[in-house]
Amino acid sequence: MSKRKTWTTEEKLQILEEGKGGDMVSVCRKYGISTATYYNWKKKFESQGKEGLKQSADRRDPEWKKLEEEHRILQKLLIQKEIELETQRELLKKKFGTDDPRKI
C-alpha cells in the first residue's frame, strides 16, 4: 500500500484554480483526489483564505502549545523531586539501616 500524498498549499491553490475553470471532476481525476477533498479545500479556502489550506500540524492552537510546554515543565519538576526523594531514602538507609523515616 502506497503512502498518501501530502499536498502543499501552493499545489492546493493550483488545483482549486483549475477547478474554477469548469470541469472540476476532470481536474480531480487528473490529480488523483476525490471531489470531497476538493470541496473541503474549497470550503477552507473560502472561509480562512490561504491559511485554511495549510497542513493541520501547522495550525495547532497556541493555547494547546502553551499547555504542552507547561506539561513538559511539570514532568521535569516531578522527575527532579523523585530523584531527590530517592537520594534521601538511600541516605537514610545508609545512616540508619532503613529507608522508612517512621522507624528512626
PDB file of N, CA and C in Angstrom:
ATOM      1  N   MET A   1       0.846  -1.176   0.000  1.00  0.00           N
ATOM      2  CA  MET A   1       0.000   0.000   0.000  1.00  0.00           C
ATOM      3  C   MET A   1       0.887   1.233   0.000  1.00  0.00           C
ATOM      4  N   SER A   2       0.635   2.153  -0.896  1.00  0.00           N
ATOM      5  CA  SER A   2       1.488   3.326  -1.013  1.00  0.00           C
ATOM      6  C   SER A   2       1.084   4.407  -0.013  1.00  0.00           C
ATOM      7  N   LYS A   3       2.056   5.237   0.298  1.00  0.00           N
ATOM      8  CA  LYS A   3       1.830   6.324   1.237  1.00  0.00           C
ATOM      9  C   LYS A   3       1.017   7.418   0.540  1.00  0.00           C
ATOM     10  N   ARG A   4       0.099   8.035   1.285  1.00  0.00           N
ATOM     11  CA  ARG A   4      -0.723   9.098   0.714  1.00  0.00           C
ATOM     12  C   ARG A   4       0.107  10.338   0.440  1.00  0.00           C
ATOM     13  N   LYS A   5      -0.242  11.045  -0.616  1.00  0.00           N
ATOM     14  CA  LYS A   5       0.484  12.260  -0.972  1.00  0.00           C
ATOM     15  C   LYS A   5       0.077  13.385  -0.038  1.00  0.00           C
ATOM     16  N   THR A   6       1.055  14.168   0.360  1.00  0.00           N
ATOM     17  CA  THR A   6       0.799  15.375   1.133  1.00  0.00           C
ATOM     18  C   THR A   6       0.899  16.556   0.190  1.00  0.00           C
ATOM     19  N   TRP A   7      -0.169  17.287   0.073  1.00  0.00           N
ATOM     20  CA  TRP A   7      -0.234  18.408  -0.858  1.00  0.00           C
ATOM     21  C   TRP A   7       0.233  19.673  -0.174  1.00  0.00           C
ATOM     22  N   THR A   8       1.046  20.465  -0.862  1.00  0.00           N
ATOM     23  CA  THR A   8       1.469  21.758  -0.334  1.00  0.00           C
ATOM     24  C   THR A   8       0.348  22.765  -0.548  1.00  0.00           C
ATOM     25  N   THR A   9       0.456  23.880   0.133  1.00  0.00           N
ATOM     26  CA  THR A   9      -0.550  24.934   0.000  1.00  0.00           C
ATOM     27  C   THR A   9      -0.621  25.430  -1.441  1.00  0.00           C
ATOM     28  N   GLU A  10       0.531  25.582  -2.076  1.00  0.00           N
ATOM     29  CA  GLU A  10       0.561  26.079  -3.456  1.00  0.00           C
ATOM     30  C   GLU A  10      -0.105  25.088  -4.411  1.00  0.00           C
ATOM     31  N   GLU A  11       0.142  23.799  -4.200  1.00  0.00           N
ATOM     32  CA  GLU A  11      -0.483  22.779  -5.054  1.00  0.00           C
ATOM     33  C   GLU A  11      -2.000  22.791  -4.884  1.00  0.00           C
ATOM     34  N   LYS A  12      -2.451  22.945  -3.657  1.00  0.00           N
ATOM     35  CA  LYS A  12      -3.897  23.005  -3.409  1.00  0.00           C
ATOM     36  C   LYS A  12      -4.510  24.212  -4.102  1.00  0.00           C
ATOM     37  N   LEU A  13      -3.821  25.358  -4.018  1.00  0.00           N
ATOM     38  CA  LEU A  13      -4.324  26.558  -4.687  1.00  0.00           C
ATOM     39  C   LEU A  13      -4.391  26.363  -6.197  1.00  0.00           C
ATOM     40  N   GLN A  14      -3.378  25.732  -6.769  1.00  0.00           N
ATOM     41  CA  GLN A  14      -3.361  25.472  -8.206  1.00  0.00           C
ATOM     42  C   GLN A  14      -4.543  24.589  -8.603  1.00  0.00           C
ATOM     43  N   ILE A  15      -4.795  23.540  -7.839  1.00  0.00           N
ATOM     44  CA  ILE A  15      -5.906  22.633  -8.131  1.00  0.00           C
ATOM     45  C   ILE A  15      -7.238  23.369  -8.028  1.00  0.00           C
ATOM     46  N   LEU A  16      -7.386  24.218  -7.007  1.00  0.00           N
ATOM     47  CA  LEU A  16      -8.629  24.982  -6.854  1.00  0.00           C
ATOM     48  C   LEU A  16      -8.823  25.948  -8.024  1.00  0.00           C
ATOM     49  N   GLU A  17      -7.749  26.572  -8.481  1.00  0.00           N
ATOM     50  CA  GLU A  17      -7.836  27.490  -9.617  1.00  0.00           C
ATOM     51  C   GLU A  17      -8.250  26.748 -10.889  1.00  0.00           C
ATOM     52  N   GLU A  18      -7.655  25.579 -11.096  1.00  0.00           N
ATOM     53  CA  GLU A  18      -8.017  24.793 -12.288  1.00  0.00           C
ATOM     54  C   GLU A  18      -9.469  24.333 -12.211  1.00  0.00           C
ATOM     55  N   GLY A  19      -9.929  24.016 -11.005  1.00  0.00           N
ATOM     56  CA  GLY A  19     -11.314  23.574 -10.830  1.00  0.00           C
ATOM     57  C   GLY A  19     -12.324  24.676 -11.063  1.00  0.00           C
ATOM     58  N   LYS A  20     -11.925  25.924 -10.843  1.00  0.00           N
ATOM     59  CA  LYS A  20     -12.831  27.047 -11.080  1.00  0.00           C
ATOM     60  C   LYS A  20     -13.152  27.197 -12.556  1.00  0.00           C
ATOM     61  N   GLY A  21     -12.215  26.771 -13.408  1.00  0.00           N
ATOM     62  CA  GLY A  21     -12.366  26.930 -14.851  1.00  0.00           C
ATOM     63  C   GLY A  21     -13.547  26.190 -15.440  1.00  0.00           C
ATOM     64  N   GLY A  22     -14.071  25.208 -14.762  1.00  0.00           N
ATOM     65  CA  GLY A  22     -15.210  24.490 -15.327  1.00  0.00           C
ATOM     66  C   GLY A  22     -15.311  23.062 -14.851  1.00  0.00           C
ATOM     67  N   ASP A  23     -14.649  22.150 -15.545  1.00  0.00           N
ATOM     68  CA  ASP A  23     -14.814  20.731 -15.280  1.00  0.00           C
ATOM     69  C   ASP A  23     -13.976  20.292 -14.072  1.00  0.00           C
ATOM     70  N   MET A  24     -14.566  20.450 -12.906  1.00  0.00           N
ATOM     71  CA  MET A  24     -13.894  20.133 -11.659  1.00  0.00           C
ATOM     72  C   MET A  24     -13.626  18.632 -11.522  1.00  0.00           C
ATOM     73  N   VAL A  25     -14.488  17.804 -12.045  1.00  0.00           N
ATOM     74  CA  VAL A  25     -14.336  16.351 -11.936  1.00  0.00           C
ATOM     75  C   VAL A  25     -13.086  15.883 -12.672  1.00  0.00           C
ATOM     76  N   SER A  26     -12.840  16.416 -13.867  1.00  0.00           N
ATOM     77  CA  SER A  26     -11.649  16.009 -14.614  1.00  0.00           C
ATOM     78  C   SER A  26     -10.372  16.500 -13.917  1.00  0.00           C
ATOM     79  N   VAL A  27     -10.441  17.661 -13.266  1.00  0.00           N
ATOM     80  CA  VAL A  27      -9.284  18.164 -12.509  1.00  0.00           C
ATOM     81  C   VAL A  27      -8.990  17.217 -11.343  1.00  0.00           C
ATOM     82  N   CYS A  28     -10.036  16.765 -10.657  1.00  0.00           N
ATOM     83  CA  CYS A  28      -9.859  15.823  -9.543  1.00  0.00           C
ATOM     84  C   CYS A  28      -9.243  14.509 -10.034  1.00  0.00           C
ATOM     85  N   ARG A  29      -9.695  14.026 -11.181  1.00  0.00           N
ATOM     86  CA  ARG A  29      -9.123  12.801 -11.742  1.00  0.00           C
ATOM     87  C   ARG A  29      -7.660  13.006 -12.110  1.00  0.00           C
ATOM     88  N   LYS A  30      -7.371  14.155 -12.704  1.00  0.00           N
ATOM     89  CA  LYS A  30      -6.013  14.462 -13.141  1.00  0.00           C
ATOM     90  C   LYS A  30      -5.033  14.398 -11.968  1.00  0.00           C
ATOM     91  N   TYR A  31      -5.427  14.925 -10.818  1.00  0.00           N
ATOM     92  CA  TYR A  31      -4.537  14.967  -9.660  1.00  0.00           C
ATOM     93  C   TYR A  31      -4.744  13.798  -8.692  1.00  0.00           C
ATOM     94  N   GLY A  32      -5.747  12.987  -8.950  1.00  0.00           N
ATOM     95  CA  GLY A  32      -5.978  11.805  -8.115  1.00  0.00           C
ATOM     96  C   GLY A  32      -6.549  12.122  -6.743  1.00  0.00           C
ATOM     97  N   ILE A  33      -7.415  13.122  -6.683  1.00  0.00           N
ATOM     98  CA  ILE A  33      -8.075  13.450  -5.422  1.00  0.00           C
ATOM     99  C   ILE A  33      -9.565  13.237  -5.578  1.00  0.00           C
ATOM    100  N   SER A  34     -10.250  13.068  -4.477  1.00  0.00           N
ATOM    101  CA  SER A  34     -11.701  12.890  -4.545  1.00  0.00           C
ATOM    102  C   SER A  34     -12.371  14.261  -4.634  1.00  0.00           C
ATOM    103  N   THR A  35     -13.607  14.242  -5.105  1.00  0.00           N
ATOM    104  CA  THR A  35     -14.350  15.501  -5.178  1.00  0.00           C
ATOM    105  C   THR A  35     -14.615  16.035  -3.771  1.00  0.00           C
ATOM    106  N   ALA A  36     -14.767  15.136  -2.803  1.00  0.00           N
ATOM    107  CA  ALA A  36     -14.972  15.568  -1.418  1.00  0.00           C
ATOM    108  C   ALA A  36     -13.754  16.341  -0.910  1.00  0.00           C
ATOM    109  N   THR A  37     -12.555  15.853  -1.257  1.00  0.00           N
ATOM    110  CA  THR A  37     -11.332  16.555  -0.867  1.00  0.00           C
ATOM    111  C   THR A  37     -11.298  17.933  -1.509  1.00  0.00           C
ATOM    112  N   TYR A  38     -11.653  18.003  -2.774  1.00  0.00           N
ATOM    113  CA  TYR A  38     -11.676  19.289  -3.481  1.00  0.00           C
ATOM    114  C   TYR A  38     -12.623  20.266  -2.778  1.00  0.00           C
ATOM    115  N   TYR A  39     -13.830  19.802  -2.465  1.00  0.00           N
ATOM    116  CA  TYR A  39     -14.808  20.683  -1.834  1.00  0.00           C
ATOM    117  C   TYR A  39     -14.384  21.074  -0.411  1.00  0.00           C
ATOM    118  N   ASN A  40     -13.721  20.159   0.306  1.00  0.00           N
ATOM    119  CA  ASN A  40     -13.200  20.512   1.636  1.00  0.00           C
ATOM    120  C   ASN A  40     -12.149  21.614   1.526  1.00  0.00           C
ATOM    121  N   TRP A  41     -11.228  21.478   0.575  1.00  0.00           N
ATOM    122  CA  TRP A  41     -10.213  22.507   0.366  1.00  0.00           C
ATOM    123  C   TRP A  41     -10.864  23.838  -0.014  1.00  0.00           C
ATOM    124  N   LYS A  42     -11.866  23.750  -0.896  1.00  0.00           N
ATOM    125  CA  LYS A  42     -12.548  24.955  -1.361  1.00  0.00           C
ATOM    126  C   LYS A  42     -13.242  25.662  -0.197  1.00  0.00           C
ATOM    127  N   LYS A  43     -13.911  24.892   0.653  1.00  0.00           N
ATOM    128  CA  LYS A  43     -14.615  25.462   1.802  1.00  0.00           C
ATOM    129  C   LYS A  43     -13.627  26.123   2.772  1.00  0.00           C
ATOM    130  N   LYS A  44     -12.496  25.464   3.046  1.00  0.00           N
ATOM    131  CA  LYS A  44     -11.486  26.031   3.933  1.00  0.00           C
ATOM    132  C   LYS A  44     -10.878  27.293   3.335  1.00  0.00           C
ATOM    133  N   PHE A  45     -10.644  27.273   2.025  1.00  0.00           N
ATOM    134  CA  PHE A  45     -10.067  28.437   1.358  1.00  0.00           C
ATOM    135  C   PHE A  45     -11.023  29.621   1.407  1.00  0.00           C
ATOM    136  N   GLU A  46     -12.309  29.356   1.190  1.00  0.00           N
ATOM    137  CA  GLU A  46     -13.290  30.436   1.193  1.00  0.00           C
ATOM    138  C   GLU A  46     -13.483  31.024   2.590  1.00  0.00           C
ATOM    139  N   SER A  47     -13.377  30.191   3.620  1.00  0.00           N
ATOM    140  CA  SER A  47     -13.610  30.699   4.972  1.00  0.00           C
ATOM    141  C   SER A  47     -12.359  31.301   5.611  1.00  0.00           C
ATOM    142  N   GLN A  48     -11.175  30.705   5.364  1.00  0.00           N
ATOM    143  CA  GLN A  48      -9.966  31.136   6.063  1.00  0.00           C
ATOM    144  C   GLN A  48      -8.878  31.664   5.138  1.00  0.00           C
ATOM    145  N   GLY A  49      -9.094  31.598   3.859  1.00  0.00           N
ATOM    146  CA  GLY A  49      -8.082  32.051   2.912  1.00  0.00           C
ATOM    147  C   GLY A  49      -6.958  31.031   2.785  1.00  0.00           C
ATOM    148  N   LYS A  50      -5.783  31.527   2.430  1.00  0.00           N
ATOM    149  CA  LYS A  50      -4.634  30.643   2.203  1.00  0.00           C
ATOM    150  C   LYS A  50      -4.246  29.885   3.482  1.00  0.00           C
ATOM    151  N   GLU A  51      -4.452  30.503   4.646  1.00  0.00           N
ATOM    152  CA  GLU A  51      -4.131  29.859   5.927  1.00  0.00           C
ATOM    153  C   GLU A  51      -4.947  28.585   6.136  1.00  0.00           C
ATOM    154  N   GLY A  52      -6.142  28.543   5.603  1.00  0.00           N
ATOM    155  CA  GLY A  52      -7.000  27.373   5.756  1.00  0.00           C
ATOM    156  C   GLY A  52      -6.488  26.149   5.019  1.00  0.00           C
ATOM    157  N   LEU A  53      -5.610  26.363   4.039  1.00  0.00           N
ATOM    158  CA  LEU A  53      -5.102  25.250   3.236  1.00  0.00           C
ATOM    159  C   LEU A  53      -3.804  24.666   3.790  1.00  0.00           C
ATOM    160  N   LYS A  54      -3.244  25.272   4.824  1.00  0.00           N
ATOM    161  CA  LYS A  54      -2.009  24.742   5.395  1.00  0.00           C
ATOM    162  C   LYS A  54      -2.275  23.407   6.065  1.00  0.00           C
ATOM    163  N   GLN A  55      -1.201  22.637   6.251  1.00  0.00           N
ATOM    164  CA  GLN A  55      -1.327  21.334   6.912  1.00  0.00           C
ATOM    165  C   GLN A  55      -1.844  21.545   8.331  1.00  0.00           C
ATOM    166  N   SER A  56      -2.610  20.584   8.833  1.00  0.00           N
ATOM    167  CA  SER A  56      -3.212  20.726  10.156  1.00  0.00           C
ATOM    168  C   SER A  56      -2.159  20.822  11.252  1.00  0.00           C
ATOM    169  N   ALA A  57      -0.984  20.214  11.057  1.00  0.00           N
ATOM    170  CA  ALA A  57       0.073  20.297  12.060  1.00  0.00           C
ATOM    171  C   ALA A  57       0.615  21.716  12.155  1.00  0.00           C
ATOM    172  N   ASP A  58       0.492  22.487  11.076  1.00  0.00           N
ATOM    173  CA  ASP A  58       0.972  23.862  11.075  1.00  0.00           C
ATOM    174  C   ASP A  58       0.021  24.804  11.815  1.00  0.00           C
ATOM    175  N   ARG A  59      -1.200  24.362  12.020  1.00  0.00           N
ATOM    176  CA  ARG A  59      -2.217  25.247  12.576  1.00  0.00           C
ATOM    177  C   ARG A  59      -2.641  24.841  13.983  1.00  0.00           C
ATOM    178  N   ARG A  60      -1.724  24.304  14.761  1.00  0.00           N
ATOM    179  CA  ARG A  60      -2.103  23.920  16.117  1.00  0.00           C
ATOM    180  C   ARG A  60      -2.443  25.156  16.938  1.00  0.00           C
ATOM    181  N   ASP A  61      -3.387  24.987  17.806  1.00  0.00           N
ATOM    182  CA  ASP A  61      -3.855  26.064  18.660  1.00  0.00           C
ATOM    183  C   ASP A  61      -2.735  26.545  19.576  1.00  0.00           C
ATOM    184  N   PRO A  62      -2.484  27.849  19.646  1.00  0.00           N
ATOM    185  CA  PRO A  62      -1.429  28.354  20.535  1.00  0.00           C
ATOM    186  C   PRO A  62      -1.675  27.981  21.998  1.00  0.00           C
ATOM    187  N   GLU A  63      -2.926  27.920  22.395  1.00  0.00           N
ATOM    188  CA  GLU A  63      -3.263  27.521  23.772  1.00  0.00           C
ATOM    189  C   GLU A  63      -2.807  26.085  24.020  1.00  0.00           C
ATOM    190  N   TRP A  64      -2.997  25.230  23.025  1.00  0.00           N
ATOM    191  CA  TRP A  64      -2.569  23.827  23.136  1.00  0.00           C
ATOM    192  C   TRP A  64      -1.050  23.741  23.274  1.00  0.00           C
ATOM    193  N   LYS A  65      -0.332  24.535  22.472  1.00  0.00           N
ATOM    194  CA  LYS A  65       1.125  24.553  22.560  1.00  0.00           C
ATOM    195  C   LYS A  65       1.572  25.003  23.950  1.00  0.00           C
ATOM    196  N   LYS A  66       0.903  26.002  24.499  1.00  0.00           N
ATOM    197  CA  LYS A  66       1.232  26.505  25.834  1.00  0.00           C
ATOM    198  C   LYS A  66       1.018  25.405  26.871  1.00  0.00           C
ATOM    199  N   LEU A  67      -0.075  24.690  26.770  1.00  0.00           N
ATOM    200  CA  LEU A  67      -0.359  23.600  27.710  1.00  0.00           C
ATOM    201  C   LEU A  67       0.661  22.471  27.594  1.00  0.00           C
ATOM    202  N   GLU A  68       1.081  22.157  26.370  1.00  0.00           N
ATOM    203  CA  GLU A  68       2.097  21.120  26.184  1.00  0.00           C
ATOM    204  C   GLU A  68       3.419  21.521  26.824  1.00  0.00           C
ATOM    205  N   GLU A  69       3.792  22.782  26.682  1.00  0.00           N
ATOM    206  CA  GLU A  69       5.033  23.269  27.276  1.00  0.00           C
ATOM    207  C   GLU A  69       4.948  23.224  28.807  1.00  0.00           C
ATOM    208  N   GLU A  70       3.806  23.636  29.346  1.00  0.00           N
ATOM    209  CA  GLU A  70       3.608  23.580  30.800  1.00  0.00           C
ATOM    210  C   GLU A  70       3.673  22.138  31.301  1.00  0.00           C
ATOM    211  N   HIS A  71       3.087  21.230  30.556  1.00  0.00           N
ATOM    212  CA  HIS A  71       3.105  19.809  30.919  1.00  0.00           C
ATOM    213  C   HIS A  71       4.544  19.279  30.927  1.00  0.00           C
ATOM    214  N   ARG A  72       5.323  19.666  29.931  1.00  0.00           N
ATOM    215  CA  ARG A  72       6.714  19.239  29.851  1.00  0.00           C
ATOM    216  C   ARG A  72       7.509  19.740  31.056  1.00  0.00           C
ATOM    217  N   ILE A  73       7.286  20.998  31.439  1.00  0.00           N
ATOM    218  CA  ILE A  73       7.989  21.572  32.591  1.00  0.00           C
ATOM    219  C   ILE A  73       7.588  20.859  33.874  1.00  0.00           C
ATOM    220  N   LEU A  74       6.296  20.594  34.040  1.00  0.00           N
ATOM    221  CA  LEU A  74       5.832  19.900  35.242  1.00  0.00           C
ATOM    222  C   LEU A  74       6.388  18.479  35.330  1.00  0.00           C
ATOM    223  N   GLN A  75       6.469  17.803  34.194  1.00  0.00           N
ATOM    224  CA  GLN A  75       7.061  16.460  34.193  1.00  0.00           C
ATOM    225  C   GLN A  75       8.515  16.517  34.632  1.00  0.00           C
ATOM    226  N   LYS A  76       9.237  17.508  34.156  1.00  0.00           N
ATOM    227  CA  LYS A  76      10.642  17.663  34.507  1.00  0.00           C
ATOM    228  C   LYS A  76      10.789  17.906  36.011  1.00  0.00           C
ATOM    229  N   LEU A  77       9.928  18.763  36.572  1.00  0.00           N
ATOM    230  CA  LEU A  77       9.959  19.027  38.005  1.00  0.00           C
ATOM    231  C   LEU A  77       9.641  17.777  38.819  1.00  0.00           C
ATOM    232  N   LEU A  78       8.675  17.016  38.363  1.00  0.00           N
ATOM    233  CA  LEU A  78       8.303  15.787  39.055  1.00  0.00           C
ATOM    234  C   LEU A  78       9.461  14.789  39.064  1.00  0.00           C
ATOM    235  N   ILE A  79      10.134  14.660  37.961  1.00  0.00           N
ATOM    236  CA  ILE A  79      11.278  13.753  37.872  1.00  0.00           C
ATOM    237  C   ILE A  79      12.383  14.196  38.832  1.00  0.00           C
ATOM    238  N   GLN A  80      12.627  15.509  38.899  1.00  0.00           N
ATOM    239  CA  GLN A  80      13.643  16.021  39.825  1.00  0.00           C
ATOM    240  C   GLN A  80      13.275  15.715  41.272  1.00  0.00           C
ATOM    241  N   LYS A  81      12.010  15.877  41.639  1.00  0.00           N
ATOM    242  CA  LYS A  81      11.561  15.580  43.006  1.00  0.00           C
ATOM    243  C   LYS A  81      11.709  14.094  43.314  1.00  0.00           C
ATOM    244  N   GLU A  82      11.378  13.248  42.351  1.00  0.00           N
ATOM    245  CA  GLU A  82      11.526  11.805  42.556  1.00  0.00           C
ATOM    246  C   GLU A  82      12.987  11.433  42.775  1.00  0.00           C
ATOM    247  N   ILE A  83      13.889  12.077  42.056  1.00  0.00           N
ATOM    248  CA  ILE A  83      15.324  11.819  42.224  1.00  0.00           C
ATOM    249  C   ILE A  83      15.771  12.267  43.623  1.00  0.00           C
ATOM    250  N   GLU A  84      15.302  13.440  44.063  1.00  0.00           N
ATOM    251  CA  GLU A  84      15.648  13.926  45.402  1.00  0.00           C
ATOM    252  C   GLU A  84      15.154  12.967  46.482  1.00  0.00           C
ATOM    253  N   LEU A  85      13.914  12.505  46.353  1.00  0.00           N
ATOM    254  CA  LEU A  85      13.362  11.571  47.343  1.00  0.00           C
ATOM    255  C   LEU A  85      14.132  10.257  47.371  1.00  0.00           C
ATOM    256  N   GLU A  86      14.497   9.770  46.213  1.00  0.00           N
ATOM    257  CA  GLU A  86      15.261   8.523  46.143  1.00  0.00           C
ATOM    258  C   GLU A  86      16.625   8.694  46.802  1.00  0.00           C
ATOM    259  N   THR A  87      17.244   9.857  46.570  1.00  0.00           N
ATOM    260  CA  THR A  87      18.539  10.137  47.202  1.00  0.00           C
ATOM    261  C   THR A  87      18.396  10.196  48.719  1.00  0.00           C
ATOM    262  N   GLN A  88      17.341  10.837  49.211  1.00  0.00           N
ATOM    263  CA  GLN A  88      17.098  10.905  50.653  1.00  0.00           C
ATOM    264  C   GLN A  88      16.874   9.516  51.240  1.00  0.00           C
ATOM    265  N   ARG A  89      16.128   8.690  50.548  1.00  0.00           N
ATOM    266  CA  ARG A  89      15.890   7.314  51.028  1.00  0.00           C
ATOM    267  C   ARG A  89      17.198   6.530  51.130  1.00  0.00           C
ATOM    268  N   GLU A  90      18.047   6.689  50.115  1.00  0.00           N
ATOM    269  CA  GLU A  90      19.331   5.991  50.130  1.00  0.00           C
ATOM    270  C   GLU A  90      20.201   6.462  51.288  1.00  0.00           C
ATOM    271  N   LEU A  91      20.208   7.774  51.556  1.00  0.00           N
ATOM    272  CA  LEU A  91      20.990   8.298  52.677  1.00  0.00           C
ATOM    273  C   LEU A  91      20.468   7.783  54.024  1.00  0.00           C
ATOM    274  N   LEU A  92      19.137   7.759  54.162  1.00  0.00           N
ATOM    275  CA  LEU A  92      18.548   7.226  55.393  1.00  0.00           C
ATOM    276  C   LEU A  92      18.895   5.758  55.583  1.00  0.00           C
ATOM    277  N   LYS A  93      18.874   5.021  54.493  1.00  0.00           N
ATOM    278  CA  LYS A  93      19.184   3.595  54.557  1.00  0.00           C
ATOM    279  C   LYS A  93      20.643   3.386  54.972  1.00  0.00           C
ATOM    280  N   LYS A  94      21.541   4.202  54.436  1.00  0.00           N
ATOM    281  CA  LYS A  94      22.952   4.084  54.796  1.00  0.00           C
ATOM    282  C   LYS A  94      23.172   4.448  56.259  1.00  0.00           C
ATOM    283  N   LYS A  95      22.518   5.513  56.704  1.00  0.00           N
ATOM    284  CA  LYS A  95      22.769   6.017  58.054  1.00  0.00           C
ATOM    285  C   LYS A  95      22.073   5.191  59.125  1.00  0.00           C
ATOM    286  N   PHE A  96      20.814   4.804  58.884  1.00  0.00           N
ATOM    287  CA  PHE A  96      20.030   4.124  59.914  1.00  0.00           C
ATOM    288  C   PHE A  96      19.653   2.699  59.575  1.00  0.00           C
ATOM    289  N   GLY A  97      20.007   2.227  58.420  1.00  0.00           N
ATOM    290  CA  GLY A  97      19.695   0.850  58.033  1.00  0.00           C
ATOM    291  C   GLY A  97      18.262   0.662  57.557  1.00  0.00           C
ATOM    292  N   THR A  98      17.513   1.743  57.406  1.00  0.00           N
ATOM    293  CA  THR A  98      16.144   1.664  56.900  1.00  0.00           C
ATOM    294  C   THR A  98      15.840   2.941  56.111  1.00  0.00           C
ATOM    295  N   ASP A  99      14.960   2.790  55.139  1.00  0.00           N
ATOM    296  CA  ASP A  99      14.566   3.969  54.375  1.00  0.00           C
ATOM    297  C   ASP A  99      13.213   4.506  54.822  1.00  0.00           C
ATOM    298  N   ASP A 100      12.674   3.912  55.882  1.00  0.00           N
ATOM    299  CA  ASP A 100      11.378   4.354  56.427  1.00  0.00           C
ATOM    300  C   ASP A 100      11.632   5.340  57.566  1.00  0.00           C
ATOM    301  N   PRO A 101      11.329   6.628  57.410  1.00  0.00           N
ATOM    302  CA  PRO A 101      11.623   7.610  58.455  1.00  0.00           C
ATOM    303  C   PRO A 101      10.851   7.360  59.753  1.00  0.00           C
ATOM    304  N   ARG A 102       9.759   6.583  59.726  1.00  0.00           N
ATOM    305  CA  ARG A 102       8.978   6.307  60.942  1.00  0.00           C
ATOM    306  C   ARG A 102       9.708   5.331  61.869  1.00  0.00           C
ATOM    307  N   LYS A 103      10.655   4.579  61.345  1.00  0.00           N
ATOM    308  CA  LYS A 103      11.378   3.599  62.161  1.00  0.00           C
ATOM    309  C   LYS A 103      12.637   4.145  62.803  1.00  0.00           C
ATOM    310  N   ILE A 104      12.904   5.412  62.620  1.00  0.00           N
ATOM    311  CA  ILE A 104      14.115   6.034  63.184  1.00  0.00           C
ATOM    312  C   ILE A 104      13.865   6.456  64.604  1.00  0.00           C
TER     313      ILE A 104
END
